[in-house]
């Protein structure tokens, strides 16, 4: 069963079709982004150094995510440490001590970042392909 479109209505039909297509893909991308960032935050909480002190707000419990506003089609989520943000660079790369030595680096952010960047790229391409097939 085929639909017929009058030439004078073609522009409106194409506009509606493309808007629905973009909206469908945008929803899929947002869903995947939300789930993957939640997983990344949980993995950061598990893999971050625990420390030996008695801090009120330990470093490993401070990982958070913040959704950004959609600005010209951009959907962003920022992952950050809300309690001890100053320690992220010091722990990841090491730092100088008072007596002239250096502390050892504890790379815990970069491996997770690389893992989830690759996973995100794969997941988004599959979302776009699946949604594109639905619209053909």
Protein backbone atom coordinates (compact mmCIF):
# COMPACT_ATOMS: atom_id res chain seq x y z
CA UNK A 1 0.00 0.00 0.00
CA UNK A 2 1.67 3.19 -1.13
CA UNK A 3 0.93 6.73 -0.15
CA UNK A 4 0.65 9.40 -2.75
CA UNK A 5 1.89 12.87 -2.06
CA UNK A 6 0.90 15.89 -4.04
CA UNK A 7 3.83 17.99 -5.26
CA UNK A 8 2.69 21.04 -3.32
CA UNK A 9 2.75 18.99 -0.05
CA UNK A 10 6.14 17.37 -0.62
CA UNK A 11 8.06 20.00 1.33
CA UNK A 12 5.85 19.66 4.43
CA UNK A 13 5.93 15.85 4.31
CA UNK A 14 9.73 15.78 4.01
CA UNK A 15 10.10 18.31 6.82
CA UNK A 16 7.90 16.21 9.16
CA UNK A 17 9.73 13.02 8.20
CA UNK A 18 13.17 14.50 8.88
CA UNK A 19 12.09 16.09 12.17
CA UNK A 20 10.72 12.75 13.40
CA UNK A 21 13.87 10.96 12.22
CA UNK A 22 16.17 13.38 14.05
CA UNK A 23 14.01 13.26 17.17
CA UNK A 24 14.07 9.45 17.18
CA UNK A 25 17.85 9.31 16.88
CA UNK A 26 18.27 12.02 19.52
CA UNK A 27 16.19 10.01 22.01
CA UNK A 28 18.28 6.91 21.39
CA UNK A 29 21.55 8.80 21.81
CA UNK A 30 20.35 10.39 25.06
CA UNK A 31 19.27 7.01 26.48
CA UNK A 32 22.64 5.39 25.67
CA UNK A 33 24.54 8.39 27.00
CA UNK A 34 22.65 8.25 30.29
CA UNK A 35 23.20 4.54 30.81
CA UNK A 36 26.89 4.61 29.86
CA UNK A 37 27.69 7.59 32.08
CA UNK A 38 25.95 5.92 35.03
CA UNK A 39 28.09 2.83 34.44
CA UNK A 40 31.24 4.94 34.16
CA UNK A 41 30.51 6.74 37.45
CA UNK A 42 29.91 3.43 39.22
CA UNK A 43 33.15 2.01 37.84
CA UNK A 44 35.06 5.14 38.91
CA UNK A 45 33.66 4.73 42.43
CA UNK A 46 34.87 1.13 42.50
CA UNK A 47 38.33 1.73 41.00
CA UNK A 48 39.27 5.00 42.72
CA UNK A 49 41.85 4.86 45.51
CA UNK A 50 40.23 4.34 48.89
CA UNK A 51 42.90 5.98 51.07
CA UNK A 52 43.73 5.27 54.69
CA UNK A 53 42.51 8.45 56.32
CA UNK A 54 39.25 9.10 58.08
CA UNK A 55 37.76 11.70 55.77
CA UNK A 56 34.19 12.77 56.16
CA UNK A 57 33.73 12.70 52.36
CA UNK A 58 36.07 10.09 50.86
CA UNK A 59 37.46 10.65 47.38
CA UNK A 60 36.02 7.49 45.86
CA UNK A 61 32.47 8.38 46.89
CA UNK A 62 32.61 11.81 45.27
CA UNK A 63 32.08 10.86 41.63
CA UNK A 64 29.04 12.56 40.11
CA UNK A 65 27.55 13.31 36.73
CA UNK A 66 25.86 16.47 35.60
CA UNK A 67 23.64 16.81 32.57
CA UNK A 68 24.27 19.79 30.35
CA UNK A 69 21.69 21.77 28.49
CA UNK A 70 20.90 20.95 24.92
CA UNK A 71 22.51 23.71 22.95
CA UNK A 72 22.15 23.57 19.19
CA UNK A 73 21.66 19.81 19.21
CA UNK A 74 24.43 19.08 21.73
CA UNK A 75 23.67 16.83 24.67
CA UNK A 76 26.43 16.73 27.26
CA UNK A 77 27.01 14.97 30.55
CA UNK A 78 29.98 15.93 32.67
CA UNK A 79 31.55 13.40 35.04
CA UNK A 80 33.47 14.96 37.93
CA UNK A 81 34.47 14.43 41.55
CA UNK A 82 32.24 16.62 43.65
CA UNK A 83 33.90 16.15 47.03
CA UNK A 84 37.66 16.15 46.39
CA UNK A 85 38.11 17.47 42.87
CA UNK A 86 41.60 18.74 43.75
CA UNK A 87 42.88 15.18 44.15
CA UNK A 88 42.02 13.88 40.69
CA UNK A 89 45.13 15.22 38.95
CA UNK A 90 47.42 14.54 41.92
CA UNK A 91 46.35 10.91 42.21
CA UNK A 92 46.22 10.24 38.49
CA UNK A 93 49.72 11.56 37.70
CA UNK A 94 51.54 11.65 41.04
CA UNK A 95 53.05 14.77 42.60
CA UNK A 96 56.12 16.14 44.36
CA UNK A 97 56.39 15.75 48.12
CA UNK A 98 57.77 18.21 50.67
CA UNK A 99 61.09 16.41 51.05
CA UNK A 100 61.84 16.40 47.32
CA UNK A 101 60.48 12.97 46.42
CA UNK A 102 57.54 12.01 44.29
CA UNK A 103 54.43 10.00 44.99
CA UNK A 104 53.50 7.16 42.70
CA UNK A 105 50.80 7.76 40.13
CA UNK A 106 47.55 5.83 40.50
CA UNK A 107 45.98 5.90 37.03
CA UNK A 108 42.31 5.26 37.71
CA UNK A 109 40.54 7.82 35.48
CA UNK A 110 42.25 7.45 32.10
CA UNK A 111 41.65 3.68 31.68
CA UNK A 112 37.95 4.10 32.39
CA UNK A 113 37.77 7.14 30.12
CA UNK A 114 39.35 5.25 27.22
CA UNK A 115 37.14 2.22 27.80
CA UNK A 116 33.92 4.23 27.83
CA UNK A 117 34.95 6.44 24.90
CA UNK A 118 35.37 3.34 22.74
CA UNK A 119 32.20 1.76 24.09
CA UNK A 120 30.26 5.00 23.56
CA UNK A 121 31.36 5.23 19.94
CA UNK A 122 30.27 1.64 19.25
CA UNK A 123 26.94 2.02 21.04
CA UNK A 124 26.04 5.29 19.32
CA UNK A 125 26.79 3.90 15.87
CA UNK A 126 24.56 0.89 16.57
CA UNK A 127 21.78 3.17 17.83
CA UNK A 128 21.96 5.29 14.69
CA UNK A 129 22.03 2.24 12.42
CA UNK A 130 19.04 0.62 14.16
CA UNK A 131 17.02 3.80 14.12
CA UNK A 132 17.93 4.42 10.48
CA UNK A 133 16.70 0.96 9.48
CA UNK A 134 13.40 1.64 11.20
CA UNK A 135 12.85 4.69 9.01
CA UNK A 136 13.55 3.05 5.66
